[in-house]
C-alpha atoms as a PDB file:
ATOM      1  CA  MET A   1       1.301  69.939  92.906  1.00  0.00           C
ATOM      2  CA  SER A   2      -0.112  72.593  91.621  1.00  0.00           C
ATOM      3  CA  PHE A   3       1.167  76.559  91.793  1.00  0.00           C
ATOM      4  CA  ASP A   4      -1.874  77.636  94.195  1.00  0.00           C
ATOM      5  CA  GLU A   5      -1.611  74.812  96.725  1.00  0.00           C
ATOM      6  CA  ALA A   6       2.683  75.851  96.815  1.00  0.00           C
ATOM      7  CA  VAL A   7       1.714  78.726  97.678  1.00  0.00           C
ATOM      8  CA  GLU A   8      -0.615  77.925 100.404  1.00  0.00           C
ATOM      9  CA  LEU A   9       2.142  75.669 101.412  1.00  0.00           C
ATOM     10  CA  ALA A  10       5.221  78.237 102.222  1.00  0.00           C
ATOM     11  CA  SER A  11       6.075  80.986 104.234  1.00  0.00           C
ATOM     12  CA  ARG A  12       6.536  84.191 103.291  1.00  0.00           C
ATOM     13  CA  GLU A  13      10.056  84.333 103.182  1.00  0.00           C
ATOM     14  CA  GLU A  14       9.655  80.729 101.444  1.00  0.00           C
ATOM     15  CA  ARG A  15       7.298  82.456  98.346  1.00  0.00           C
ATOM     16  CA  PHE A  16      10.260  85.284  97.759  1.00  0.00           C
ATOM     17  CA  MET A  17      13.104  82.881  97.955  1.00  0.00           C
ATOM     18  CA  ALA A  18      11.328  79.905  95.498  1.00  0.00           C
ATOM     19  CA  SER A  19      10.492  83.510  93.046  1.00  0.00           C
ATOM     20  CA  VAL A  20      13.977  84.692  93.151  1.00  0.00           C
ATOM     21  CA  TYR A  21      15.519  80.573  92.712  1.00  0.00           C
ATOM     22  CA  ALA A  22      12.754  80.890  89.704  1.00  0.00           C
ATOM     23  CA  MET A  23      12.968  83.689  88.430  1.00  0.00           C
ATOM     24  CA  ASN A  24      17.075  83.405  87.691  1.00  0.00           C
ATOM     25  CA  SER A  25      17.308  79.372  86.695  1.00  0.00           C
ATOM     26  CA  LEU A  26      14.778  80.766  83.721  1.00  0.00           C
ATOM     27  CA  LEU A  27      17.005  83.903  83.351  1.00  0.00           C
ATOM     28  CA  ILE A  28      20.302  81.165  83.156  1.00  0.00           C
ATOM     29  CA  HIS A  29      18.691  78.696  80.513  1.00  0.00           C
ATOM     30  CA  LYS A  30      16.942  81.237  78.111  1.00  0.00           C
ATOM     31  CA  GLY A  31      20.617  82.527  77.775  1.00  0.00           C
ATOM     32  CA  ILE A  32      19.676  85.795  79.283  1.00  0.00           C
ATOM     33  CA  TYR A  33      22.484  85.889  81.134  1.00  0.00           C
ATOM     34  CA  THR A  34      25.665  83.417  82.528  1.00  0.00           C
ATOM     35  CA  GLN A  35      25.923  81.444  86.191  1.00  0.00           C
ATOM     36  CA  THR A  36      28.945  83.771  85.959  1.00  0.00           C
ATOM     37  CA  GLU A  37      27.219  86.845  85.210  1.00  0.00           C
ATOM     38  CA  PHE A  38      25.062  86.188  87.777  1.00  0.00           C
ATOM     39  CA  GLU A  39      27.945  85.603  90.851  1.00  0.00           C
ATOM     40  CA  ILE A  40      29.651  88.409  89.872  1.00  0.00           C
ATOM     41  CA  MET A  41      26.252  90.933  90.257  1.00  0.00           C
ATOM     42  CA  PHE A  42      25.917  88.822  93.605  1.00  0.00           C
ATOM     43  CA  VAL A  43      29.039  90.203  95.114  1.00  0.00           C
ATOM     44  CA  GLU A  44      28.015  93.466  93.383  1.00  0.00           C
ATOM     45  CA  TRP A  45      25.033  93.897  95.555  1.00  0.00           C
ATOM     46  CA  ILE A  46      26.905  92.638  99.188  1.00  0.00           C
ATOM     47  CA  LYS A  47      29.853  95.033  98.225  1.00  0.00           C
ATOM     48  CA  LYS A  48      27.026  97.140  98.182  1.00  0.00           C
ATOM     49  CA  GLU A  49      25.489  96.686 101.177  1.00  0.00           C
ATOM     50  CA  GLN A  50      28.105  95.864 103.283  1.00  0.00           C
ATOM     51  CA  ARG A  51      29.539 100.005 102.254  1.00  0.00           C
ATOM     52  CA  LYS A  52      25.968 101.243 102.917  1.00  0.00           C
ATOM     53  CA  GLN A  53      26.059  99.417 106.487  1.00  0.00           C
ATOM     54  CA  SER A  54      29.241 100.721 107.311  1.00  0.00           C
ATOM     55  CA  ARG A  55      28.083 104.436 106.437  1.00  0.00           C
ATOM     56  CA  LYS A  56      24.932 104.093 109.453  1.00  0.00           C
ATOM     57  CA  SER A  57      26.617 101.973 111.958  1.00  0.00           C
ATOM     58  CA  GLY A  58      29.632 103.401 112.231  1.00  0.00           C
ATOM     59  CA  SER A  59      30.785  99.361 113.021  1.00  0.00           C
ATOM     60  CA  HIS A  60      31.483  96.432 111.387  1.00  0.00           C
ATOM     61  CA  SER A  61      27.742  94.180 110.373  1.00  0.00           C
ATOM     62  CA  ARG A  62      26.902  91.059 109.813  1.00  0.00           C
ATOM     63  CA  LEU A  63      28.048  91.585 106.292  1.00  0.00           C
ATOM     64  CA  ALA A  64      31.124  93.675 107.356  1.00  0.00           C
ATOM     65  CA  THR A  65      32.419  90.993 109.540  1.00  0.00           C
ATOM     66  CA  ALA A  66      32.022  88.852 106.777  1.00  0.00           C
ATOM     67  CA  SER A  67      34.444  89.764 105.035  1.00  0.00           C
ATOM     68  CA  HIS A  68      37.431  89.842 107.298  1.00  0.00           C
END
């Protein structure tokens, strides 16, 4: 399957997820960062989003609820 064929087959969300997967895999395989470093940054982002959601809604968001 060519890249163009794959793009045509995938939904917008699937194209985004495939892009993130491909970029992350390349960066790890090339030694730009490690899986552990990726996981740390992922957790930091989720925590930041939880704080934003808590401030916006004043109640528990799905992200905030998941941590309890």
